[in-house]
């Protein structure tokens, strides 16, 4: 009986500038590339202080998680501040929409004026 042998040919993975992901064998104009670009646009919008009113609270909670080895219990106060911030600015946005004010979310300068008029942080 002849001896059977198996030979496995494995092509090494090449990382070139043409592919946006090693598992996505496609051209730079493919859907994979578009998802990568879209992710950066969404991330950029979330980092814009005119769009995200709770940027400081979000950064503080992320920093707390990094410093405390992702122990959620130690960062609960930061999460609570972020949640209260989102609730407050969401209620402001809803009220402005009802009153017909455009844009519905105040800009960063307008938010500073609103918070200054209140005298203290509402959250």
PDB file of N, CA and C in Angstrom:
ATOM      1  N   UNK A   1       0.844  -1.165   0.000  1.00  0.00           N
ATOM      2  CA  UNK A   1       0.000   0.000   0.000  1.00  0.00           C
ATOM      3  C   UNK A   1       0.897   1.239   0.000  1.00  0.00           C
ATOM      4  N   UNK A   2       0.580   2.205  -0.900  1.00  0.00           N
ATOM      5  CA  UNK A   2       1.422   3.395  -0.955  1.00  0.00           C
ATOM      6  C   UNK A   2       1.161   4.315   0.242  1.00  0.00           C
ATOM      7  N   UNK A   3       2.188   5.008   0.628  1.00  0.00           N
ATOM      8  CA  UNK A   3       2.106   5.945   1.763  1.00  0.00           C
ATOM      9  C   UNK A   3       1.535   7.279   1.274  1.00  0.00           C
ATOM     10  N   UNK A   4       0.485   7.736   1.963  1.00  0.00           N
ATOM     11  CA  UNK A   4      -0.155   9.001   1.588  1.00  0.00           C
ATOM     12  C   UNK A   4       0.486  10.146   2.359  1.00  0.00           C
ATOM     13  N   UNK A   5       0.784  11.199   1.663  1.00  0.00           N
ATOM     14  CA  UNK A   5       1.320  12.394   2.308  1.00  0.00           C
ATOM     15  C   UNK A   5       0.488  13.587   1.855  1.00  0.00           C
ATOM     16  N   UNK A   6       0.356  14.519   2.755  1.00  0.00           N
ATOM     17  CA  UNK A   6      -0.391  15.740   2.448  1.00  0.00           C
ATOM     18  C   UNK A   6       0.543  16.929   2.528  1.00  0.00           C
ATOM     19  N   UNK A   7       0.407  17.785   1.565  1.00  0.00           N
ATOM     20  CA  UNK A   7       1.205  18.993   1.556  1.00  0.00           C
ATOM     21  C   UNK A   7       0.243  20.179   1.577  1.00  0.00           C
ATOM     22  N   UNK A   8       0.414  21.036   2.551  1.00  0.00           N
ATOM     23  CA  UNK A   8      -0.464  22.190   2.693  1.00  0.00           C
ATOM     24  C   UNK A   8       0.278  23.412   2.202  1.00  0.00           C
ATOM     25  N   UNK A   9      -0.304  24.074   1.258  1.00  0.00           N
ATOM     26  CA  UNK A   9       0.291  25.304   0.749  1.00  0.00           C
ATOM     27  C   UNK A   9      -0.416  26.484   1.392  1.00  0.00           C
ATOM     28  N   UNK A  10       0.340  27.295   2.068  1.00  0.00           N
ATOM     29  CA  UNK A  10      -0.224  28.461   2.739  1.00  0.00           C
ATOM     30  C   UNK A  10       0.439  29.690   2.156  1.00  0.00           C
ATOM     31  N   UNK A  11      -0.378  30.566   1.646  1.00  0.00           N
ATOM     32  CA  UNK A  11       0.141  31.813   1.107  1.00  0.00           C
ATOM     33  C   UNK A  11       0.214  32.823   2.241  1.00  0.00           C
ATOM     34  N   UNK A  12       1.360  33.472   2.433  1.00  0.00           N
ATOM     35  CA  UNK A  12       1.450  34.453   3.525  1.00  0.00           C
ATOM     36  C   UNK A  12       0.548  35.652   3.242  1.00  0.00           C
ATOM     37  N   UNK A  13       0.011  36.240   4.316  1.00  0.00           N
ATOM     38  CA  UNK A  13      -0.853  37.413   4.163  1.00  0.00           C
ATOM     39  C   UNK A  13       0.001  38.618   3.825  1.00  0.00           C
ATOM     40  N   UNK A  14      -0.405  39.321   2.812  1.00  0.00           N
ATOM     41  CA  UNK A  14       0.310  40.523   2.413  1.00  0.00           C
ATOM     42  C   UNK A  14      -0.496  41.745   2.814  1.00  0.00           C
ATOM     43  N   UNK A  15       0.166  42.701   3.420  1.00  0.00           N
ATOM     44  CA  UNK A  15      -0.489  43.937   3.820  1.00  0.00           C
ATOM     45  C   UNK A  15       0.037  45.038   2.906  1.00  0.00           C
ATOM     46  N   UNK A  16      -0.768  45.422   1.962  1.00  0.00           N
ATOM     47  CA  UNK A  16      -0.373  46.480   1.045  1.00  0.00           C
ATOM     48  C   UNK A  16      -1.333  47.641   1.191  1.00  0.00           C
ATOM     49  N   UNK A  17      -1.004  48.734   0.586  1.00  0.00           N
ATOM     50  CA  UNK A  17      -1.846  49.908   0.644  1.00  0.00           C
ATOM     51  C   UNK A  17      -3.128  49.768  -0.147  1.00  0.00           C
ATOM     52  N   UNK A  18      -3.227  48.729  -0.982  1.00  0.00           N
ATOM     53  CA  UNK A  18      -4.406  48.563  -1.805  1.00  0.00           C
ATOM     54  C   UNK A  18      -5.596  48.034  -1.027  1.00  0.00           C
ATOM     55  N   UNK A  19      -5.350  47.302   0.026  1.00  0.00           N
ATOM     56  CA  UNK A  19      -6.428  46.690   0.780  1.00  0.00           C
ATOM     57  C   UNK A  19      -6.630  47.422   2.086  1.00  0.00           C
ATOM     58  N   UNK A  20      -7.881  47.617   2.449  1.00  0.00           N
ATOM     59  CA  UNK A  20      -8.167  48.341   3.680  1.00  0.00           C
ATOM     60  C   UNK A  20      -8.177  47.412   4.880  1.00  0.00           C
ATOM     61  N   UNK A  21      -8.262  46.137   4.666  1.00  0.00           N
ATOM     62  CA  UNK A  21      -8.297  45.171   5.758  1.00  0.00           C
ATOM     63  C   UNK A  21      -7.746  43.853   5.224  1.00  0.00           C
ATOM     64  N   UNK A  22      -6.946  43.142   6.008  1.00  0.00           N
ATOM     65  CA  UNK A  22      -6.357  41.911   5.469  1.00  0.00           C
ATOM     66  C   UNK A  22      -7.391  40.854   5.096  1.00  0.00           C
ATOM     67  N   UNK A  23      -8.566  40.872   5.707  1.00  0.00           N
ATOM     68  CA  UNK A  23      -9.589  39.893   5.387  1.00  0.00           C
ATOM     69  C   UNK A  23     -10.521  40.357   4.280  1.00  0.00           C
ATOM     70  N   UNK A  24     -10.360  41.575   3.846  1.00  0.00           N
ATOM     71  CA  UNK A  24     -11.234  42.148   2.833  1.00  0.00           C
ATOM     72  C   UNK A  24     -10.418  42.309   1.557  1.00  0.00           C
ATOM     73  N   UNK A  25     -10.446  41.318   0.706  1.00  0.00           N
ATOM     74  CA  UNK A  25      -9.668  41.363  -0.530  1.00  0.00           C
ATOM     75  C   UNK A  25     -10.413  42.189  -1.564  1.00  0.00           C
ATOM     76  N   UNK A  26     -10.322  43.470  -1.415  1.00  0.00           N
ATOM     77  CA  UNK A  26     -11.069  44.338  -2.307  1.00  0.00           C
ATOM     78  C   UNK A  26     -10.263  45.583  -2.602  1.00  0.00           C
ATOM     79  N   UNK A  27     -10.738  46.326  -3.544  1.00  0.00           N
ATOM     80  CA  UNK A  27     -10.052  47.556  -3.927  1.00  0.00           C
ATOM     81  C   UNK A  27     -10.367  48.669  -2.929  1.00  0.00           C
ATOM     82  N   UNK A  28      -9.594  49.756  -2.969  1.00  0.00           N
ATOM     83  CA  UNK A  28      -9.833  50.846  -2.021  1.00  0.00           C
ATOM     84  C   UNK A  28     -11.196  51.517  -2.154  1.00  0.00           C
ATOM     85  N   UNK A  29     -11.879  51.331  -3.266  1.00  0.00           N
ATOM     86  CA  UNK A  29     -13.193  51.971  -3.439  1.00  0.00           C
ATOM     87  C   UNK A  29     -14.337  51.054  -3.045  1.00  0.00           C
ATOM     88  N   UNK A  30     -14.031  49.937  -2.439  1.00  0.00           N
ATOM     89  CA  UNK A  30     -15.080  48.974  -2.097  1.00  0.00           C
ATOM     90  C   UNK A  30     -15.850  49.397  -0.855  1.00  0.00           C
ATOM     91  N   UNK A  31     -16.821  48.586  -0.487  1.00  0.00           N
ATOM     92  CA  UNK A  31     -17.646  48.854   0.694  1.00  0.00           C
ATOM     93  C   UNK A  31     -16.812  48.812   1.964  1.00  0.00           C
ATOM     94  N   UNK A  32     -15.793  47.960   1.998  1.00  0.00           N
ATOM     95  CA  UNK A  32     -14.928  47.868   3.173  1.00  0.00           C
ATOM     96  C   UNK A  32     -14.230  49.201   3.402  1.00  0.00           C
ATOM     97  N   UNK A  33     -13.717  49.798   2.359  1.00  0.00           N
ATOM     98  CA  UNK A  33     -13.026  51.079   2.459  1.00  0.00           C
ATOM     99  C   UNK A  33     -14.005  52.172   2.874  1.00  0.00           C
ATOM    100  N   UNK A  34     -15.219  52.135   2.342  1.00  0.00           N
ATOM    101  CA  UNK A  34     -16.216  53.141   2.675  1.00  0.00           C
ATOM    102  C   UNK A  34     -16.602  53.066   4.146  1.00  0.00           C
ATOM    103  N   UNK A  35     -16.677  51.856   4.713  1.00  0.00           N
ATOM    104  CA  UNK A  35     -16.989  51.715   6.127  1.00  0.00           C
ATOM    105  C   UNK A  35     -15.895  52.326   6.977  1.00  0.00           C
ATOM    106  N   UNK A  36     -14.623  52.141   6.571  1.00  0.00           N
ATOM    107  CA  UNK A  36     -13.507  52.711   7.314  1.00  0.00           C
ATOM    108  C   UNK A  36     -13.580  54.229   7.304  1.00  0.00           C
ATOM    109  N   UNK A  37     -13.887  54.818   6.169  1.00  0.00           N
ATOM    110  CA  UNK A  37     -14.005  56.268   6.064  1.00  0.00           C
ATOM    111  C   UNK A  37     -15.190  56.754   6.879  1.00  0.00           C
ATOM    112  N   UNK A  38     -16.308  56.058   6.821  1.00  0.00           N
ATOM    113  CA  UNK A  38     -17.503  56.462   7.563  1.00  0.00           C
ATOM    114  C   UNK A  38     -17.255  56.429   9.060  1.00  0.00           C
ATOM    115  N   UNK A  39     -16.540  55.432   9.535  1.00  0.00           N
ATOM    116  CA  UNK A  39     -16.246  55.348  10.958  1.00  0.00           C
ATOM    117  C   UNK A  39     -15.471  56.579  11.408  1.00  0.00           C
ATOM    118  N   UNK A  40     -14.517  57.041  10.611  1.00  0.00           N
ATOM    119  CA  UNK A  40     -13.742  58.200  11.009  1.00  0.00           C
ATOM    120  C   UNK A  40     -14.589  59.470  10.992  1.00  0.00           C
ATOM    121  N   UNK A  41     -15.559  59.564  10.087  1.00  0.00           N
ATOM    122  CA  UNK A  41     -16.444  60.726  10.034  1.00  0.00           C
ATOM    123  C   UNK A  41     -17.337  60.751  11.273  1.00  0.00           C
ATOM    124  N   UNK A  42     -17.893  59.605  11.639  1.00  0.00           N
ATOM    125  CA  UNK A  42     -18.753  59.525  12.820  1.00  0.00           C
ATOM    126  C   UNK A  42     -17.949  59.843  14.078  1.00  0.00           C
ATOM    127  N   UNK A  43     -16.751  59.303  14.171  1.00  0.00           N
ATOM    128  CA  UNK A  43     -15.892  59.581  15.322  1.00  0.00           C
ATOM    129  C   UNK A  43     -15.551  61.063  15.381  1.00  0.00           C
ATOM    130  N   UNK A  44     -15.297  61.665  14.248  1.00  0.00           N
ATOM    131  CA  UNK A  44     -14.996  63.092  14.210  1.00  0.00           C
ATOM    132  C   UNK A  44     -16.164  63.943  14.673  1.00  0.00           C
ATOM    133  N   UNK A  45     -17.371  63.548  14.300  1.00  0.00           N
ATOM    134  CA  UNK A  45     -18.556  64.294  14.734  1.00  0.00           C
ATOM    135  C   UNK A  45     -18.742  64.173  16.239  1.00  0.00           C
ATOM    136  N   UNK A  46     -18.475  63.004  16.808  1.00  0.00           N
ATOM    137  CA  UNK A  46     -18.627  62.831  18.249  1.00  0.00           C
ATOM    138  C   UNK A  46     -17.584  63.623  19.026  1.00  0.00           C
ATOM    139  N   UNK A  47     -16.460  63.923  18.402  1.00  0.00           N
ATOM    140  CA  UNK A  47     -15.405  64.689  19.064  1.00  0.00           C
ATOM    141  C   UNK A  47     -15.589  66.199  18.870  1.00  0.00           C
ATOM    142  N   UNK A  48     -16.577  66.614  18.110  1.00  0.00           N
ATOM    143  CA  UNK A  48     -16.827  68.027  17.852  1.00  0.00           C
ATOM    144  C   UNK A  48     -17.597  68.623  19.031  1.00  0.00           C
ATOM    145  N   UNK A  49     -17.036  69.657  19.707  1.00  0.00           N
ATOM    146  CA  UNK A  49     -17.728  70.233  20.858  1.00  0.00           C
ATOM    147  C   UNK A  49     -19.037  70.938  20.506  1.00  0.00           C
ATOM    148  N   UNK A  50     -19.238  71.340  19.258  1.00  0.00           N
ATOM    149  CA  UNK A  50     -20.509  71.956  18.874  1.00  0.00           C
ATOM    150  C   UNK A  50     -21.620  70.923  18.745  1.00  0.00           C
ATOM    151  N   UNK A  51     -21.275  69.672  18.484  1.00  0.00           N
ATOM    152  CA  UNK A  51     -22.273  68.623  18.317  1.00  0.00           C
ATOM    153  C   UNK A  51     -22.489  67.847  19.609  1.00  0.00           C
ATOM    154  N   UNK A  52     -21.417  67.528  20.315  1.00  0.00           N
ATOM    155  CA  UNK A  52     -21.496  66.735  21.534  1.00  0.00           C
ATOM    156  C   UNK A  52     -21.348  67.630  22.758  1.00  0.00           C
ATOM    157  N   UNK A  53     -22.427  67.930  23.464  1.00  0.00           N
ATOM    158  CA  UNK A  53     -22.327  68.828  24.614  1.00  0.00           C
ATOM    159  C   UNK A  53     -21.685  68.176  25.840  1.00  0.00           C
ATOM    160  N   UNK A  54     -21.577  66.879  25.872  1.00  0.00           N
ATOM    161  CA  UNK A  54     -21.053  66.166  27.043  1.00  0.00           C
ATOM    162  C   UNK A  54     -19.689  65.555  26.758  1.00  0.00           C
ATOM    163  N   UNK A  55     -18.889  66.248  25.984  1.00  0.00           N
ATOM    164  CA  UNK A  55     -17.578  65.741  25.603  1.00  0.00           C
ATOM    165  C   UNK A  55     -16.657  65.596  26.810  1.00  0.00           C
ATOM    166  N   UNK A  56     -16.667  66.565  27.706  1.00  0.00           N
ATOM    167  CA  UNK A  56     -15.808  66.494  28.896  1.00  0.00           C
ATOM    168  C   UNK A  56     -16.195  65.324  29.790  1.00  0.00           C
ATOM    169  N   UNK A  57     -17.487  65.119  29.988  1.00  0.00           N
ATOM    170  CA  UNK A  57     -17.955  64.018  30.827  1.00  0.00           C
ATOM    171  C   UNK A  57     -17.635  62.669  30.187  1.00  0.00           C
ATOM    172  N   UNK A  58     -17.757  62.600  28.868  1.00  0.00           N
ATOM    173  CA  UNK A  58     -17.432  61.374  28.157  1.00  0.00           C
ATOM    174  C   UNK A  58     -15.946  61.049  28.286  1.00  0.00           C
ATOM    175  N   UNK A  59     -15.101  62.055  28.100  1.00  0.00           N
ATOM    176  CA  UNK A  59     -13.656  61.849  28.233  1.00  0.00           C
ATOM    177  C   UNK A  59     -13.278  61.462  29.653  1.00  0.00           C
ATOM    178  N   UNK A  60     -13.950  62.068  30.636  1.00  0.00           N
ATOM    179  CA  UNK A  60     -13.647  61.747  32.035  1.00  0.00           C
ATOM    180  C   UNK A  60     -14.006  60.300  32.350  1.00  0.00           C
ATOM    181  N   UNK A  61     -15.132  59.818  31.856  1.00  0.00           N
ATOM    182  CA  UNK A  61     -15.516  58.436  32.130  1.00  0.00           C
ATOM    183  C   UNK A  61     -14.576  57.458  31.419  1.00  0.00           C
ATOM    184  N   UNK A  62     -14.162  57.781  30.201  1.00  0.00           N
ATOM    185  CA  UNK A  62     -13.210  56.921  29.485  1.00  0.00           C
ATOM    186  C   UNK A  62     -11.869  56.888  30.199  1.00  0.00           C
ATOM    187  N   UNK A  63     -11.416  58.066  30.640  1.00  0.00           N
ATOM    188  CA  UNK A  63     -10.147  58.143  31.365  1.00  0.00           C
ATOM    189  C   UNK A  63     -10.212  57.352  32.669  1.00  0.00           C
ATOM    190  N   UNK A  64     -11.332  57.437  33.365  1.00  0.00           N
ATOM    191  CA  UNK A  64     -11.514  56.694  34.607  1.00  0.00           C
ATOM    192  C   UNK A  64     -11.449  55.196  34.351  1.00  0.00           C
ATOM    193  N   UNK A  65     -12.105  54.744  33.290  1.00  0.00           N
ATOM    194  CA  UNK A  65     -12.062  53.320  32.964  1.00  0.00           C
ATOM    195  C   UNK A  65     -10.630  52.873  32.653  1.00  0.00           C
ATOM    196  N   UNK A  66      -9.892  53.689  31.919  1.00  0.00           N
ATOM    197  CA  UNK A  66      -8.503  53.348  31.610  1.00  0.00           C
ATOM    198  C   UNK A  66      -7.652  53.266  32.871  1.00  0.00           C
ATOM    199  N   UNK A  67      -7.838  54.225  33.780  1.00  0.00           N
ATOM    200  CA  UNK A  67      -7.022  54.279  34.993  1.00  0.00           C
ATOM    201  C   UNK A  67      -7.372  53.184  35.991  1.00  0.00           C
ATOM    202  N   UNK A  68      -8.613  52.718  35.989  1.00  0.00           N
ATOM    203  CA  UNK A  68      -9.064  51.730  36.969  1.00  0.00           C
ATOM    204  C   UNK A  68      -9.209  50.334  36.386  1.00  0.00           C
ATOM    205  N   UNK A  69      -8.497  50.074  35.308  1.00  0.00           N
ATOM    206  CA  UNK A  69      -8.454  48.739  34.718  1.00  0.00           C
ATOM    207  C   UNK A  69      -9.852  48.235  34.352  1.00  0.00           C
ATOM    208  N   UNK A  70     -10.684  49.135  33.833  1.00  0.00           N
ATOM    209  CA  UNK A  70     -12.027  48.843  33.347  1.00  0.00           C
ATOM    210  C   UNK A  70     -12.940  48.231  34.412  1.00  0.00           C
ATOM    211  N   UNK A  71     -12.794  48.714  35.629  1.00  0.00           N
ATOM    212  CA  UNK A  71     -13.697  48.338  36.721  1.00  0.00           C
ATOM    213  C   UNK A  71     -14.830  49.361  36.741  1.00  0.00           C
ATOM    214  N   UNK A  72     -16.009  48.961  36.272  1.00  0.00           N
ATOM    215  CA  UNK A  72     -17.135  49.886  36.109  1.00  0.00           C
ATOM    216  C   UNK A  72     -17.619  50.456  37.434  1.00  0.00           C
ATOM    217  N   UNK A  73     -17.512  49.696  38.504  1.00  0.00           N
ATOM    218  CA  UNK A  73     -18.001  50.169  39.805  1.00  0.00           C
ATOM    219  C   UNK A  73     -17.230  51.383  40.294  1.00  0.00           C
ATOM    220  N   UNK A  74     -15.953  51.457  39.994  1.00  0.00           N
ATOM    221  CA  UNK A  74     -15.142  52.590  40.444  1.00  0.00           C
ATOM    222  C   UNK A  74     -15.450  53.869  39.670  1.00  0.00           C
ATOM    223  N   UNK A  75     -16.040  53.730  38.506  1.00  0.00           N
ATOM    224  CA  UNK A  75     -16.307  54.896  37.653  1.00  0.00           C
ATOM    225  C   UNK A  75     -17.787  55.252  37.608  1.00  0.00           C
ATOM    226  N   UNK A  76     -18.568  54.748  38.520  1.00  0.00           N
ATOM    227  CA  UNK A  76     -20.017  54.968  38.469  1.00  0.00           C
ATOM    228  C   UNK A  76     -20.378  56.447  38.593  1.00  0.00           C
ATOM    229  N   UNK A  77     -19.604  57.233  39.359  1.00  0.00           N
ATOM    230  CA  UNK A  77     -19.911  58.669  39.469  1.00  0.00           C
ATOM    231  C   UNK A  77     -19.707  59.377  38.134  1.00  0.00           C
ATOM    232  N   UNK A  78     -18.687  58.983  37.394  1.00  0.00           N
ATOM    233  CA  UNK A  78     -18.454  59.580  36.074  1.00  0.00           C
ATOM    234  C   UNK A  78     -19.579  59.210  35.108  1.00  0.00           C
ATOM    235  N   UNK A  79     -20.035  57.964  35.185  1.00  0.00           N
ATOM    236  CA  UNK A  79     -21.139  57.543  34.321  1.00  0.00           C
ATOM    237  C   UNK A  79     -22.416  58.305  34.667  1.00  0.00           C
ATOM    238  N   UNK A  80     -22.648  58.524  35.948  1.00  0.00           N
ATOM    239  CA  UNK A  80     -23.835  59.252  36.392  1.00  0.00           C
ATOM    240  C   UNK A  80     -23.794  60.700  35.904  1.00  0.00           C
ATOM    241  N   UNK A  81     -22.617  61.341  35.994  1.00  0.00           N
ATOM    242  CA  UNK A  81     -22.484  62.718  35.492  1.00  0.00           C
ATOM    243  C   UNK A  81     -22.744  62.772  33.993  1.00  0.00           C
ATOM    244  N   UNK A  82     -22.213  61.802  33.263  1.00  0.00           N
ATOM    245  CA  UNK A  82     -22.430  61.771  31.817  1.00  0.00           C
ATOM    246  C   UNK A  82     -23.910  61.572  31.494  1.00  0.00           C
ATOM    247  N   UNK A  83     -24.559  60.646  32.192  1.00  0.00           N
ATOM    248  CA  UNK A  83     -25.984  60.380  31.956  1.00  0.00           C
ATOM    249  C   UNK A  83     -26.820  61.618  32.259  1.00  0.00           C
ATOM    250  N   UNK A  84     -26.526  62.302  33.370  1.00  0.00           N
ATOM    251  CA  UNK A  84     -27.265  63.522  33.720  1.00  0.00           C
ATOM    252  C   UNK A  84     -27.021  64.628  32.708  1.00  0.00           C
ATOM    253  N   UNK A  85     -25.806  64.721  32.212  1.00  0.00           N
ATOM    254  CA  UNK A  85     -25.484  65.716  31.186  1.00  0.00           C
ATOM    255  C   UNK A  85     -26.309  65.458  29.929  1.00  0.00           C
ATOM    256  N   UNK A  86     -26.350  64.216  29.485  1.00  0.00           N
ATOM    257  CA  UNK A  86     -27.117  63.882  28.287  1.00  0.00           C
ATOM    258  C   UNK A  86     -28.611  64.164  28.481  1.00  0.00           C
ATOM    259  N   UNK A  87     -29.142  63.851  29.659  1.00  0.00           N
ATOM    260  CA  UNK A  87     -30.555  64.116  29.935  1.00  0.00           C
ATOM    261  C   UNK A  87     -30.841  65.614  29.894  1.00  0.00           C
ATOM    262  N   UNK A  88     -29.955  66.405  30.511  1.00  0.00           N
ATOM    263  CA  UNK A  88     -30.169  67.840  30.561  1.00  0.00           C
ATOM    264  C   UNK A  88     -30.167  68.437  29.156  1.00  0.00           C
ATOM    265  N   UNK A  89     -29.127  68.143  28.360  1.00  0.00           N
ATOM    266  CA  UNK A  89     -29.036  68.744  27.034  1.00  0.00           C
ATOM    267  C   UNK A  89     -30.078  68.179  26.079  1.00  0.00           C
ATOM    268  N   UNK A  90     -30.525  66.967  26.304  1.00  0.00           N
ATOM    269  CA  UNK A  90     -31.612  66.426  25.504  1.00  0.00           C
ATOM    270  C   UNK A  90     -32.911  67.184  25.787  1.00  0.00           C
ATOM    271  N   UNK A  91     -33.153  67.502  27.063  1.00  0.00           N
ATOM    272  CA  UNK A  91     -34.364  68.269  27.384  1.00  0.00           C
ATOM    273  C   UNK A  91     -34.288  69.683  26.800  1.00  0.00           C
ATOM    274  N   UNK A  92     -33.096  70.279  26.801  1.00  0.00           N
ATOM    275  CA  UNK A  92     -32.923  71.600  26.177  1.00  0.00           C
ATOM    276  C   UNK A  92     -33.201  71.505  24.682  1.00  0.00           C
ATOM    277  N   UNK A  93     -32.684  70.454  24.049  1.00  0.00           N
ATOM    278  CA  UNK A  93     -32.876  70.275  22.620  1.00  0.00           C
ATOM    279  C   UNK A  93     -34.353  70.079  22.284  1.00  0.00           C
ATOM    280  N   UNK A  94     -35.069  69.306  23.085  1.00  0.00           N
ATOM    281  CA  UNK A  94     -36.499  69.084  22.849  1.00  0.00           C
ATOM    282  C   UNK A  94     -37.275  70.397  22.992  1.00  0.00           C
ATOM    283  N   UNK A  95     -36.938  71.170  24.008  1.00  0.00           N
ATOM    284  CA  UNK A  95     -37.624  72.451  24.228  1.00  0.00           C
ATOM    285  C   UNK A  95     -37.368  73.415  23.075  1.00  0.00           C
ATOM    286  N   UNK A  96     -36.129  73.458  22.583  1.00  0.00           N
ATOM    287  CA  UNK A  96     -35.811  74.342  21.452  1.00  0.00           C
ATOM    288  C   UNK A  96     -36.557  73.903  20.195  1.00  0.00           C
ATOM    289  N   UNK A  97     -36.705  72.603  19.978  1.00  0.00           N
ATOM    290  CA  UNK A  97     -37.467  72.125  18.822  1.00  0.00           C
ATOM    291  C   UNK A  97     -38.925  72.548  18.925  1.00  0.00           C
ATOM    292  N   UNK A  98     -39.495  72.436  20.128  1.00  0.00           N
ATOM    293  CA  UNK A  98     -40.890  72.844  20.332  1.00  0.00           C
ATOM    294  C   UNK A  98     -41.075  74.330  20.059  1.00  0.00           C
ATOM    295  N   UNK A  99     -40.079  75.131  20.425  1.00  0.00           N
ATOM    296  CA  UNK A  99     -40.155  76.576  20.230  1.00  0.00           C
ATOM    297  C   UNK A  99     -39.759  77.004  18.821  1.00  0.00           C
ATOM    298  N   UNK A 100     -39.298  76.055  17.999  1.00  0.00           N
ATOM    299  CA  UNK A 100     -38.926  76.361  16.622  1.00  0.00           C
ATOM    300  C   UNK A 100     -37.560  77.009  16.487  1.00  0.00           C
ATOM    301  N   UNK A 101     -36.692  76.847  17.474  1.00  0.00           N
ATOM    302  CA  UNK A 101     -35.352  77.441  17.419  1.00  0.00           C
ATOM    303  C   UNK A 101     -34.440  76.512  16.636  1.00  0.00           C
ATOM    304  N   UNK A 102     -33.675  77.092  15.715  1.00  0.00           N
ATOM    305  CA  UNK A 102     -32.713  76.337  14.917  1.00  0.00           C
ATOM    306  C   UNK A 102     -31.319  76.840  15.244  1.00  0.00           C
ATOM    307  N   UNK A 103     -30.341  76.022  15.392  1.00  0.00           N
ATOM    308  CA  UNK A 103     -30.362  74.571  15.472  1.00  0.00           C
ATOM    309  C   UNK A 103     -30.916  74.122  16.815  1.00  0.00           C
ATOM    310  N   UNK A 104     -31.399  72.907  16.842  1.00  0.00           N
ATOM    311  CA  UNK A 104     -32.040  72.428  18.067  1.00  0.00           C
ATOM    312  C   UNK A 104     -31.028  72.228  19.194  1.00  0.00           C
ATOM    313  N   UNK A 105     -29.796  71.854  18.870  1.00  0.00           N
ATOM    314  CA  UNK A 105     -28.743  71.747  19.887  1.00  0.00           C
ATOM    315  C   UNK A 105     -27.938  73.041  19.881  1.00  0.00           C
ATOM    316  N   UNK A 106     -27.856  73.720  21.020  1.00  0.00           N
ATOM    317  CA  UNK A 106     -27.085  74.969  21.065  1.00  0.00           C
ATOM    318  C   UNK A 106     -25.616  74.713  20.769  1.00  0.00           C
ATOM    319  N   UNK A 107     -24.969  75.702  20.181  1.00  0.00           N
ATOM    320  CA  UNK A 107     -23.535  75.586  19.920  1.00  0.00           C
ATOM    321  C   UNK A 107     -22.780  75.667  21.237  1.00  0.00           C
ATOM    322  N   UNK A 108     -21.483  75.423  21.184  1.00  0.00           N
ATOM    323  CA  UNK A 108     -20.664  75.431  22.400  1.00  0.00           C
ATOM    324  C   UNK A 108     -20.705  76.803  23.077  1.00  0.00           C
ATOM    325  N   UNK A 109     -20.681  77.873  22.286  1.00  0.00           N
ATOM    326  CA  UNK A 109     -20.724  79.223  22.864  1.00  0.00           C
ATOM    327  C   UNK A 109     -22.078  79.481  23.530  1.00  0.00           C
ATOM    328  N   UNK A 110     -23.157  79.067  22.897  1.00  0.00           N
ATOM    329  CA  UNK A 110     -24.487  79.229  23.488  1.00  0.00           C
ATOM    330  C   UNK A 110     -24.632  78.412  24.764  1.00  0.00           C
ATOM    331  N   UNK A 111     -24.068  77.219  24.770  1.00  0.00           N
ATOM    332  CA  UNK A 111     -24.149  76.391  25.976  1.00  0.00           C
ATOM    333  C   UNK A 111     -23.404  77.030  27.140  1.00  0.00           C
ATOM    334  N   UNK A 112     -22.264  77.669  26.870  1.00  0.00           N
ATOM    335  CA  UNK A 112     -21.543  78.370  27.936  1.00  0.00           C
ATOM    336  C   UNK A 112     -22.392  79.503  28.515  1.00  0.00           C
ATOM    337  N   UNK A 113     -23.107  80.223  27.655  1.00  0.00           N
ATOM    338  CA  UNK A 113     -23.981  81.307  28.116  1.00  0.00           C
ATOM    339  C   UNK A 113     -25.133  80.744  28.956  1.00  0.00           C
ATOM    340  N   UNK A 114     -25.712  79.641  28.497  1.00  0.00           N
ATOM    341  CA  UNK A 114     -26.818  79.012  29.237  1.00  0.00           C
ATOM    342  C   UNK A 114     -26.352  78.567  30.616  1.00  0.00           C
ATOM    343  N   UNK A 115     -25.198  77.901  30.676  1.00  0.00           N
ATOM    344  CA  UNK A 115     -24.679  77.422  31.960  1.00  0.00           C
ATOM    345  C   UNK A 115     -24.271  78.582  32.867  1.00  0.00           C
ATOM    346  N   UNK A 116     -23.748  79.670  32.279  1.00  0.00           N
ATOM    347  CA  UNK A 116     -23.390  80.840  33.057  1.00  0.00           C
ATOM    348  C   UNK A 116     -24.612  81.509  33.662  1.00  0.00           C
ATOM    349  N   UNK A 117     -25.704  81.540  32.924  1.00  0.00           N
ATOM    350  CA  UNK A 117     -26.939  82.147  33.426  1.00  0.00           C
ATOM    351  C   UNK A 117     -27.541  81.321  34.567  1.00  0.00           C
ATOM    352  N   UNK A 118     -27.309  80.015  34.564  1.00  0.00           N
ATOM    353  CA  UNK A 118     -27.852  79.161  35.623  1.00  0.00           C
ATOM    354  C   UNK A 118     -27.062  79.313  36.916  1.00  0.00           C
ATOM    355  N   UNK A 119     -25.822  79.759  36.824  1.00  0.00           N
ATOM    356  CA  UNK A 119     -25.027  79.971  38.031  1.00  0.00           C
ATOM    357  C   UNK A 119     -24.271  78.732  38.488  1.00  0.00           C
ATOM    358  N   UNK A 120     -24.822  77.573  38.258  1.00  0.00           N
ATOM    359  CA  UNK A 120     -24.142  76.343  38.646  1.00  0.00           C
ATOM    360  C   UNK A 120     -24.449  75.263  37.609  1.00  0.00           C
ATOM    361  N   UNK A 121     -23.685  74.215  37.665  1.00  0.00           N
ATOM    362  CA  UNK A 121     -23.903  73.112  36.737  1.00  0.00           C
ATOM    363  C   UNK A 121     -25.176  72.374  37.126  1.00  0.00           C
ATOM    364  N   UNK A 122     -26.102  72.183  36.202  1.00  0.00           N
ATOM    365  CA  UNK A 122     -27.350  71.497  36.525  1.00  0.00           C
ATOM    366  C   UNK A 122     -27.199  69.979  36.616  1.00  0.00           C
ATOM    367  N   UNK A 123     -26.021  69.493  36.347  1.00  0.00           N
ATOM    368  CA  UNK A 123     -25.820  68.041  36.385  1.00  0.00           C
ATOM    369  C   UNK A 123     -24.545  67.687  37.087  1.00  0.00           C
TER     370      UNK A 123
END
